[in-house]
Amino acid sequence: MQDIKNIIVTVYNLSHEGTLRPEDITDDQLLFDYDQSGAENLELDSLDALEVAAIVEEQYDLTLPYEIEPADISTPRRAFDYLSQLVSAQR
């Protein structure tokens, strides 16, 4: 889970010129407003998602599906669970 948070923080800080730290993100922190409910979130956008995906693919030697349901990766915990399933399926 910590690796996922580190990737999110790296991308967030590059695109938002921020100083977010992994410990600032809870496991269930919304990364973006995937259901357009207006809920508080980190406000990552589609370009951020592509950057996170590229880092994950490289770091874990994975091939991510072309389309991923936003809800599957809407929090660090959900992203970790989703990626864990992919790792198991691709190994």
PDB file of N, CA and C in Angstrom:
ATOM      1  N   MET A   1       0.838  -1.197   0.000  1.00  0.00           N
ATOM      2  CA  MET A   1       0.000   0.000   0.000  1.00  0.00           C
ATOM      3  C   MET A   1       0.877   1.252   0.000  1.00  0.00           C
ATOM      4  N   GLN A   2       1.985   1.201   0.721  1.00  0.00           N
ATOM      5  CA  GLN A   2       2.864   2.368   0.803  1.00  0.00           C
ATOM      6  C   GLN A   2       3.421   2.728  -0.574  1.00  0.00           C
ATOM      7  N   ASP A   3       3.754   1.720  -1.383  1.00  0.00           N
ATOM      8  CA  ASP A   3       4.260   1.988  -2.733  1.00  0.00           C
ATOM      9  C   ASP A   3       3.246   2.760  -3.569  1.00  0.00           C
ATOM     10  N   ILE A   4       1.988   2.373  -3.456  1.00  0.00           N
ATOM     11  CA  ILE A   4       0.925   3.057  -4.207  1.00  0.00           C
ATOM     12  C   ILE A   4       0.827   4.508  -3.745  1.00  0.00           C
ATOM     13  N   LYS A   5       0.861   4.725  -2.451  1.00  0.00           N
ATOM     14  CA  LYS A   5       0.800   6.092  -1.921  1.00  0.00           C
ATOM     15  C   LYS A   5       1.996   6.916  -2.392  1.00  0.00           C
ATOM     16  N   ASN A   6       3.173   6.307  -2.427  1.00  0.00           N
ATOM     17  CA  ASN A   6       4.362   7.025  -2.900  1.00  0.00           C
ATOM     18  C   ASN A   6       4.207   7.454  -4.354  1.00  0.00           C
ATOM     19  N   ILE A   7       3.647   6.593  -5.177  1.00  0.00           N
ATOM     20  CA  ILE A   7       3.429   6.926  -6.589  1.00  0.00           C
ATOM     21  C   ILE A   7       2.425   8.067  -6.704  1.00  0.00           C
ATOM     22  N   ILE A   8       1.345   7.977  -5.962  1.00  0.00           N
ATOM     23  CA  ILE A   8       0.311   9.023  -5.996  1.00  0.00           C
ATOM     24  C   ILE A   8       0.902  10.359  -5.569  1.00  0.00           C
ATOM     25  N   VAL A   9       1.690  10.350  -4.506  1.00  0.00           N
ATOM     26  CA  VAL A   9       2.307  11.583  -4.004  1.00  0.00           C
ATOM     27  C   VAL A   9       3.261  12.168  -5.037  1.00  0.00           C
ATOM     28  N   THR A  10       4.059  11.329  -5.671  1.00  0.00           N
ATOM     29  CA  THR A  10       4.992  11.801  -6.696  1.00  0.00           C
ATOM     30  C   THR A  10       4.250  12.512  -7.814  1.00  0.00           C
ATOM     31  N   VAL A  11       3.210  11.880  -8.319  1.00  0.00           N
ATOM     32  CA  VAL A  11       2.435  12.465  -9.420  1.00  0.00           C
ATOM     33  C   VAL A  11       1.713  13.724  -8.956  1.00  0.00           C
ATOM     34  N   TYR A  12       1.095  13.660  -7.793  1.00  0.00           N
ATOM     35  CA  TYR A  12       0.385  14.829  -7.263  1.00  0.00           C
ATOM     36  C   TYR A  12       1.323  16.030  -7.137  1.00  0.00           C
ATOM     37  N   ASN A  13       2.474  15.816  -6.546  1.00  0.00           N
ATOM     38  CA  ASN A  13       3.394  16.928  -6.314  1.00  0.00           C
ATOM     39  C   ASN A  13       3.938  17.510  -7.609  1.00  0.00           C
ATOM     40  N   LEU A  14       4.096  16.705  -8.634  1.00  0.00           N
ATOM     41  CA  LEU A  14       4.548  17.224  -9.929  1.00  0.00           C
ATOM     42  C   LEU A  14       3.472  18.064 -10.609  1.00  0.00           C
ATOM     43  N   SER A  15       2.242  17.581 -10.576  1.00  0.00           N
ATOM     44  CA  SER A  15       1.189  18.279 -11.312  1.00  0.00           C
ATOM     45  C   SER A  15       0.522  19.399 -10.524  1.00  0.00           C
ATOM     46  N   HIS A  16       0.599  19.351  -9.217  1.00  0.00           N
ATOM     47  CA  HIS A  16      -0.049  20.370  -8.391  1.00  0.00           C
ATOM     48  C   HIS A  16       0.956  21.261  -7.670  1.00  0.00           C
ATOM     49  N   GLU A  17       2.233  21.076  -7.975  1.00  0.00           N
ATOM     50  CA  GLU A  17       3.290  21.842  -7.321  1.00  0.00           C
ATOM     51  C   GLU A  17       3.089  21.855  -5.813  1.00  0.00           C
ATOM     52  N   GLY A  18       2.789  20.673  -5.292  1.00  0.00           N
ATOM     53  CA  GLY A  18       2.482  20.569  -3.877  1.00  0.00           C
ATOM     54  C   GLY A  18       3.593  19.944  -3.068  1.00  0.00           C
ATOM     55  N   THR A  19       3.298  19.776  -1.802  1.00  0.00           N
ATOM     56  CA  THR A  19       4.228  19.144  -0.875  1.00  0.00           C
ATOM     57  C   THR A  19       3.514  18.040  -0.109  1.00  0.00           C
ATOM     58  N   LEU A  20       2.650  17.318  -0.804  1.00  0.00           N
ATOM     59  CA  LEU A  20       1.924  16.210  -0.201  1.00  0.00           C
ATOM     60  C   LEU A  20       2.908  15.110   0.190  1.00  0.00           C
ATOM     61  N   ARG A  21       2.651  14.464   1.317  1.00  0.00           N
ATOM     62  CA  ARG A  21       3.472  13.355   1.790  1.00  0.00           C
ATOM     63  C   ARG A  21       2.599  12.109   1.878  1.00  0.00           C
ATOM     64  N   PRO A  22       3.185  10.928   1.746  1.00  0.00           N
ATOM     65  CA  PRO A  22       2.387   9.693   1.821  1.00  0.00           C
ATOM     66  C   PRO A  22       1.543   9.608   3.092  1.00  0.00           C
ATOM     67  N   GLU A  23       2.087  10.076   4.197  1.00  0.00           N
ATOM     68  CA  GLU A  23       1.330  10.007   5.451  1.00  0.00           C
ATOM     69  C   GLU A  23       0.154  10.982   5.483  1.00  0.00           C
ATOM     70  N   ASP A  24       0.076  11.893   4.513  1.00  0.00           N
ATOM     71  CA  ASP A  24      -1.061  12.811   4.418  1.00  0.00           C
ATOM     72  C   ASP A  24      -2.283  12.159   3.775  1.00  0.00           C
ATOM     73  N   ILE A  25      -2.077  10.991   3.174  1.00  0.00           N
ATOM     74  CA  ILE A  25      -3.158  10.303   2.462  1.00  0.00           C
ATOM     75  C   ILE A  25      -3.617   9.105   3.281  1.00  0.00           C
ATOM     76  N   THR A  26      -4.907   9.038   3.539  1.00  0.00           N
ATOM     77  CA  THR A  26      -5.443   7.853   4.210  1.00  0.00           C
ATOM     78  C   THR A  26      -5.684   6.767   3.165  1.00  0.00           C
ATOM     79  N   ASP A  27      -5.850   5.543   3.630  1.00  0.00           N
ATOM     80  CA  ASP A  27      -6.080   4.429   2.704  1.00  0.00           C
ATOM     81  C   ASP A  27      -7.368   4.604   1.910  1.00  0.00           C
ATOM     82  N   ASP A  28      -8.325   5.319   2.476  1.00  0.00           N
ATOM     83  CA  ASP A  28      -9.618   5.491   1.814  1.00  0.00           C
ATOM     84  C   ASP A  28      -9.850   6.911   1.299  1.00  0.00           C
ATOM     85  N   GLN A  29      -8.786   7.687   1.171  1.00  0.00           N
ATOM     86  CA  GLN A  29      -8.853   9.048   0.618  1.00  0.00           C
ATOM     87  C   GLN A  29      -9.256   8.981  -0.853  1.00  0.00           C
ATOM     88  N   LEU A  30     -10.284   9.712  -1.227  1.00  0.00           N
ATOM     89  CA  LEU A  30     -10.656   9.758  -2.650  1.00  0.00           C
ATOM     90  C   LEU A  30      -9.569  10.479  -3.424  1.00  0.00           C
ATOM     91  N   LEU A  31      -9.175   9.888  -4.542  1.00  0.00           N
ATOM     92  CA  LEU A  31      -8.146  10.479  -5.381  1.00  0.00           C
ATOM     93  C   LEU A  31      -8.732  11.458  -6.385  1.00  0.00           C
ATOM     94  N   PHE A  32      -9.964  11.222  -6.765  1.00  0.00           N
ATOM     95  CA  PHE A  32     -10.665  12.079  -7.724  1.00  0.00           C
ATOM     96  C   PHE A  32     -12.157  11.893  -7.512  1.00  0.00           C
ATOM     97  N   ASP A  33     -12.941  12.752  -8.081  1.00  0.00           N
ATOM     98  CA  ASP A  33     -14.396  12.707  -7.926  1.00  0.00           C
ATOM     99  C   ASP A  33     -14.979  11.796  -9.001  1.00  0.00           C
ATOM    100  N   TYR A  34     -14.777  10.478  -8.828  1.00  0.00           N
ATOM    101  CA  TYR A  34     -15.146   9.516  -9.868  1.00  0.00           C
ATOM    102  C   TYR A  34     -16.649   9.429 -10.134  1.00  0.00           C
ATOM    103  N   ASP A  35     -17.467   9.753  -9.152  1.00  0.00           N
ATOM    104  CA  ASP A  35     -18.908   9.671  -9.372  1.00  0.00           C
ATOM    105  C   ASP A  35     -19.563  11.052  -9.439  1.00  0.00           C
ATOM    106  N   GLN A  36     -18.744  12.074  -9.527  1.00  0.00           N
ATOM    107  CA  GLN A  36     -19.190  13.464  -9.647  1.00  0.00           C
ATOM    108  C   GLN A  36     -20.155  13.864  -8.540  1.00  0.00           C
ATOM    109  N   SER A  37     -19.855  13.392  -7.333  1.00  0.00           N
ATOM    110  CA  SER A  37     -20.708  13.697  -6.187  1.00  0.00           C
ATOM    111  C   SER A  37     -20.289  14.986  -5.490  1.00  0.00           C
ATOM    112  N   GLY A  38     -19.126  15.493  -5.861  1.00  0.00           N
ATOM    113  CA  GLY A  38     -18.615  16.683  -5.209  1.00  0.00           C
ATOM    114  C   GLY A  38     -17.896  16.383  -3.909  1.00  0.00           C
ATOM    115  N   ALA A  39     -17.646  15.099  -3.634  1.00  0.00           N
ATOM    116  CA  ALA A  39     -16.963  14.710  -2.405  1.00  0.00           C
ATOM    117  C   ALA A  39     -15.532  15.241  -2.398  1.00  0.00           C
ATOM    118  N   GLU A  40     -15.026  15.535  -1.217  1.00  0.00           N
ATOM    119  CA  GLU A  40     -13.658  16.018  -1.074  1.00  0.00           C
ATOM    120  C   GLU A  40     -12.701  14.943  -1.586  1.00  0.00           C
ATOM    121  N   ASN A  41     -11.717  15.358  -2.381  1.00  0.00           N
ATOM    122  CA  ASN A  41     -10.772  14.413  -2.964  1.00  0.00           C
ATOM    123  C   ASN A  41      -9.459  15.131  -3.264  1.00  0.00           C
ATOM    124  N   LEU A  42      -8.462  14.392  -3.733  1.00  0.00           N
ATOM    125  CA  LEU A  42      -7.165  14.995  -4.050  1.00  0.00           C
ATOM    126  C   LEU A  42      -7.158  15.745  -5.377  1.00  0.00           C
ATOM    127  N   GLU A  43      -8.226  15.625  -6.131  1.00  0.00           N
ATOM    128  CA  GLU A  43      -8.392  16.325  -7.405  1.00  0.00           C
ATOM    129  C   GLU A  43      -7.362  15.914  -8.452  1.00  0.00           C
ATOM    130  N   LEU A  44      -7.021  14.615  -8.462  1.00  0.00           N
ATOM    131  CA  LEU A  44      -6.197  14.110  -9.552  1.00  0.00           C
ATOM    132  C   LEU A  44      -7.056  14.127 -10.817  1.00  0.00           C
ATOM    133  N   ASP A  45      -6.420  14.342 -11.956  1.00  0.00           N
ATOM    134  CA  ASP A  45      -7.171  14.370 -13.208  1.00  0.00           C
ATOM    135  C   ASP A  45      -6.729  13.222 -14.110  1.00  0.00           C
ATOM    136  N   SER A  46      -7.245  13.199 -15.334  1.00  0.00           N
ATOM    137  CA  SER A  46      -6.953  12.093 -16.238  1.00  0.00           C
ATOM    138  C   SER A  46      -5.475  12.021 -16.616  1.00  0.00           C
ATOM    139  N   LEU A  47      -4.813  13.148 -16.722  1.00  0.00           N
ATOM    140  CA  LEU A  47      -3.374  13.125 -17.007  1.00  0.00           C
ATOM    141  C   LEU A  47      -2.593  12.555 -15.828  1.00  0.00           C
ATOM    142  N   ASP A  48      -3.018  12.890 -14.624  1.00  0.00           N
ATOM    143  CA  ASP A  48      -2.403  12.307 -13.438  1.00  0.00           C
ATOM    144  C   ASP A  48      -2.596  10.787 -13.439  1.00  0.00           C
ATOM    145  N   ALA A  49      -3.788  10.348 -13.794  1.00  0.00           N
ATOM    146  CA  ALA A  49      -4.079   8.908 -13.832  1.00  0.00           C
ATOM    147  C   ALA A  49      -3.182   8.192 -14.834  1.00  0.00           C
ATOM    148  N   LEU A  50      -2.951   8.806 -15.985  1.00  0.00           N
ATOM    149  CA  LEU A  50      -2.054   8.205 -16.979  1.00  0.00           C
ATOM    150  C   LEU A  50      -0.631   8.108 -16.449  1.00  0.00           C
ATOM    151  N   GLU A  51      -0.191   9.129 -15.757  1.00  0.00           N
ATOM    152  CA  GLU A  51       1.156   9.117 -15.181  1.00  0.00           C
ATOM    153  C   GLU A  51       1.275   8.050 -14.099  1.00  0.00           C
ATOM    154  N   VAL A  52       0.271   7.942 -13.246  1.00  0.00           N
ATOM    155  CA  VAL A  52       0.274   6.894 -12.222  1.00  0.00           C
ATOM    156  C   VAL A  52       0.314   5.526 -12.898  1.00  0.00           C
ATOM    157  N   ALA A  53      -0.500   5.344 -13.933  1.00  0.00           N
ATOM    158  CA  ALA A  53      -0.539   4.063 -14.649  1.00  0.00           C
ATOM    159  C   ALA A  53       0.819   3.721 -15.253  1.00  0.00           C
ATOM    160  N   ALA A  54       1.474   4.697 -15.855  1.00  0.00           N
ATOM    161  CA  ALA A  54       2.782   4.457 -16.475  1.00  0.00           C
ATOM    162  C   ALA A  54       3.809   4.036 -15.422  1.00  0.00           C
ATOM    163  N   ILE A  55       3.796   4.689 -14.283  1.00  0.00           N
ATOM    164  CA  ILE A  55       4.736   4.342 -13.216  1.00  0.00           C
ATOM    165  C   ILE A  55       4.438   2.941 -12.683  1.00  0.00           C
ATOM    166  N   VAL A  56       3.169   2.642 -12.472  1.00  0.00           N
ATOM    167  CA  VAL A  56       2.781   1.320 -11.967  1.00  0.00           C
ATOM    168  C   VAL A  56       3.201   0.229 -12.952  1.00  0.00           C
ATOM    169  N   GLU A  57       2.941   0.437 -14.236  1.00  0.00           N
ATOM    170  CA  GLU A  57       3.320  -0.563 -15.237  1.00  0.00           C
ATOM    171  C   GLU A  57       4.824  -0.812 -15.215  1.00  0.00           C
ATOM    172  N   GLU A  58       5.587   0.252 -15.129  1.00  0.00           N
ATOM    173  CA  GLU A  58       7.040   0.115 -15.131  1.00  0.00           C
ATOM    174  C   GLU A  58       7.546  -0.509 -13.831  1.00  0.00           C
ATOM    175  N   GLN A  59       7.066  -0.017 -12.713  1.00  0.00           N
ATOM    176  CA  GLN A  59       7.559  -0.473 -11.420  1.00  0.00           C
ATOM    177  C   GLN A  59       7.202  -1.936 -11.137  1.00  0.00           C
ATOM    178  N   TYR A  60       6.006  -2.361 -11.562  1.00  0.00           N
ATOM    179  CA  TYR A  60       5.541  -3.711 -11.262  1.00  0.00           C
ATOM    180  C   TYR A  60       5.579  -4.651 -12.462  1.00  0.00           C
ATOM    181  N   ASP A  61       6.113  -4.162 -13.588  1.00  0.00           N
ATOM    182  CA  ASP A  61       6.187  -4.964 -14.805  1.00  0.00           C
ATOM    183  C   ASP A  61       4.820  -5.561 -15.144  1.00  0.00           C
ATOM    184  N   LEU A  62       3.812  -4.690 -15.176  1.00  0.00           N
ATOM    185  CA  LEU A  62       2.428  -5.070 -15.460  1.00  0.00           C
ATOM    186  C   LEU A  62       1.967  -4.440 -16.759  1.00  0.00           C
ATOM    187  N   THR A  63       0.941  -5.025 -17.319  1.00  0.00           N
ATOM    188  CA  THR A  63       0.223  -4.393 -18.413  1.00  0.00           C
ATOM    189  C   THR A  63      -1.183  -4.116 -17.903  1.00  0.00           C
ATOM    190  N   LEU A  64      -1.508  -2.851 -17.757  1.00  0.00           N
ATOM    191  CA  LEU A  64      -2.834  -2.486 -17.275  1.00  0.00           C
ATOM    192  C   LEU A  64      -3.841  -2.566 -18.417  1.00  0.00           C
ATOM    193  N   PRO A  65      -5.086  -2.917 -18.103  1.00  0.00           N
ATOM    194  CA  PRO A  65      -6.127  -2.931 -19.128  1.00  0.00           C
ATOM    195  C   PRO A  65      -6.310  -1.537 -19.726  1.00  0.00           C
ATOM    196  N   TYR A  66      -6.755  -1.493 -20.965  1.00  0.00           N
ATOM    197  CA  TYR A  66      -6.975  -0.219 -21.644  1.00  0.00           C
ATOM    198  C   TYR A  66      -8.014   0.615 -20.901  1.00  0.00           C
ATOM    199  N   GLU A  67      -9.066  -0.044 -20.441  1.00  0.00           N
ATOM    200  CA  GLU A  67     -10.116   0.662 -19.704  1.00  0.00           C
ATOM    201  C   GLU A  67     -10.217   0.081 -18.303  1.00  0.00           C
ATOM    202  N   ILE A  68     -10.216   0.970 -17.332  1.00  0.00           N
ATOM    203  CA  ILE A  68     -10.352   0.591 -15.930  1.00  0.00           C
ATOM    204  C   ILE A  68     -11.524   1.375 -15.362  1.00  0.00           C
ATOM    205  N   GLU A  69     -12.374   0.692 -14.617  1.00  0.00           N
ATOM    206  CA  GLU A  69     -13.492   1.380 -13.976  1.00  0.00           C
ATOM    207  C   GLU A  69     -12.944   2.354 -12.942  1.00  0.00           C
ATOM    208  N   PRO A  70     -13.315   3.616 -13.014  1.00  0.00           N
ATOM    209  CA  PRO A  70     -12.794   4.596 -12.058  1.00  0.00           C
ATOM    210  C   PRO A  70     -12.992   4.206 -10.597  1.00  0.00           C
ATOM    211  N   ALA A  71     -14.106   3.575 -10.279  1.00  0.00           N
ATOM    212  CA  ALA A  71     -14.355   3.185  -8.894  1.00  0.00           C
ATOM    213  C   ALA A  71     -13.321   2.176  -8.391  1.00  0.00           C
ATOM    214  N   ASP A  72     -12.745   1.383  -9.303  1.00  0.00           N
ATOM    215  CA  ASP A  72     -11.767   0.367  -8.919  1.00  0.00           C
ATOM    216  C   ASP A  72     -10.465   0.968  -8.400  1.00  0.00           C
ATOM    217  N   ILE A  73     -10.195   2.205  -8.748  1.00  0.00           N
ATOM    218  CA  ILE A  73      -8.939   2.841  -8.350  1.00  0.00           C
ATOM    219  C   ILE A  73      -9.169   4.202  -7.689  1.00  0.00           C
ATOM    220  N   SER A  74     -10.328   4.368  -7.090  1.00  0.00           N
ATOM    221  CA  SER A  74     -10.705   5.684  -6.561  1.00  0.00           C
ATOM    222  C   SER A  74     -10.045   6.045  -5.238  1.00  0.00           C
ATOM    223  N   THR A  75      -9.444   5.075  -4.554  1.00  0.00           N
ATOM    224  CA  THR A  75      -8.734   5.321  -3.305  1.00  0.00           C
ATOM    225  C   THR A  75      -7.436   4.502  -3.326  1.00  0.00           C
ATOM    226  N   PRO A  76      -6.468   4.830  -2.482  1.00  0.00           N
ATOM    227  CA  PRO A  76      -5.263   3.996  -2.427  1.00  0.00           C
ATOM    228  C   PRO A  76      -5.576   2.528  -2.122  1.00  0.00           C
ATOM    229  N   ARG A  77      -6.513   2.269  -1.212  1.00  0.00           N
ATOM    230  CA  ARG A  77      -6.867   0.887  -0.867  1.00  0.00           C
ATOM    231  C   ARG A  77      -7.462   0.156  -2.072  1.00  0.00           C
ATOM    232  N   ARG A  78      -8.380   0.792  -2.773  1.00  0.00           N
ATOM    233  CA  ARG A  78      -8.986   0.154  -3.946  1.00  0.00           C
ATOM    234  C   ARG A  78      -7.955  -0.053  -5.054  1.00  0.00           C
ATOM    235  N   ALA A  79      -7.085   0.923  -5.246  1.00  0.00           N
ATOM    236  CA  ALA A  79      -6.034   0.788  -6.263  1.00  0.00           C
ATOM    237  C   ALA A  79      -5.100  -0.365  -5.904  1.00  0.00           C
ATOM    238  N   PHE A  80      -4.719  -0.460  -4.634  1.00  0.00           N
ATOM    239  CA  PHE A  80      -3.845  -1.542  -4.179  1.00  0.00           C
ATOM    240  C   PHE A  80      -4.512  -2.898  -4.403  1.00  0.00           C
ATOM    241  N   ASP A  81      -5.771  -3.028  -4.016  1.00  0.00           N
ATOM    242  CA  ASP A  81      -6.495  -4.291  -4.200  1.00  0.00           C
ATOM    243  C   ASP A  81      -6.597  -4.652  -5.681  1.00  0.00           C
ATOM    244  N   TYR A  82      -6.914  -3.662  -6.503  1.00  0.00           N
ATOM    245  CA  TYR A  82      -7.041  -3.889  -7.952  1.00  0.00           C
ATOM    246  C   TYR A  82      -5.706  -4.343  -8.538  1.00  0.00           C
ATOM    247  N   LEU A  83      -4.643  -3.668  -8.173  1.00  0.00           N
ATOM    248  CA  LEU A  83      -3.318  -4.021  -8.697  1.00  0.00           C
ATOM    249  C   LEU A  83      -2.854  -5.379  -8.181  1.00  0.00           C
ATOM    250  N   SER A  84      -3.194  -5.707  -6.961  1.00  0.00           N
ATOM    251  CA  SER A  84      -2.849  -7.020  -6.416  1.00  0.00           C
ATOM    252  C   SER A  84      -3.509  -8.133  -7.224  1.00  0.00           C
ATOM    253  N   GLN A  85      -4.759  -7.922  -7.607  1.00  0.00           N
ATOM    254  CA  GLN A  85      -5.461  -8.897  -8.441  1.00  0.00           C
ATOM    255  C   GLN A  85      -4.796  -9.025  -9.809  1.00  0.00           C
ATOM    256  N   LEU A  86      -4.385  -7.913 -10.395  1.00  0.00           N
ATOM    257  CA  LEU A  86      -3.708  -7.947 -11.698  1.00  0.00           C
ATOM    258  C   LEU A  86      -2.376  -8.676 -11.617  1.00  0.00           C
ATOM    259  N   VAL A  87      -1.625  -8.406 -10.554  1.00  0.00           N
ATOM    260  CA  VAL A  87      -0.333  -9.071 -10.387  1.00  0.00           C
ATOM    261  C   VAL A  87      -0.548 -10.589 -10.312  1.00  0.00           C
ATOM    262  N   SER A  88      -1.523 -11.023  -9.545  1.00  0.00           N
ATOM    263  CA  SER A  88      -1.807 -12.454  -9.420  1.00  0.00           C
ATOM    264  C   SER A  88      -2.212 -13.059 -10.757  1.00  0.00           C
ATOM    265  N   ALA A  89      -3.014 -12.342 -11.508  1.00  0.00           N
ATOM    266  CA  ALA A  89      -3.504 -12.855 -12.789  1.00  0.00           C
ATOM    267  C   ALA A  89      -2.412 -12.889 -13.868  1.00  0.00           C
ATOM    268  N   GLN A  90      -1.460 -11.976 -13.786  1.00  0.00           N
ATOM    269  CA  GLN A  90      -0.441 -11.876 -14.842  1.00  0.00           C
ATOM    270  C   GLN A  90       0.837 -12.654 -14.505  1.00  0.00           C
ATOM    271  N   ARG A  91       0.891 -13.286 -13.381  1.00  0.00           N
ATOM    272  CA  ARG A  91       2.112 -14.037 -13.014  1.00  0.00           C
ATOM    273  C   ARG A  91       1.874 -15.502 -13.058  1.00  0.00           C
TER     274      ARG A  91
END
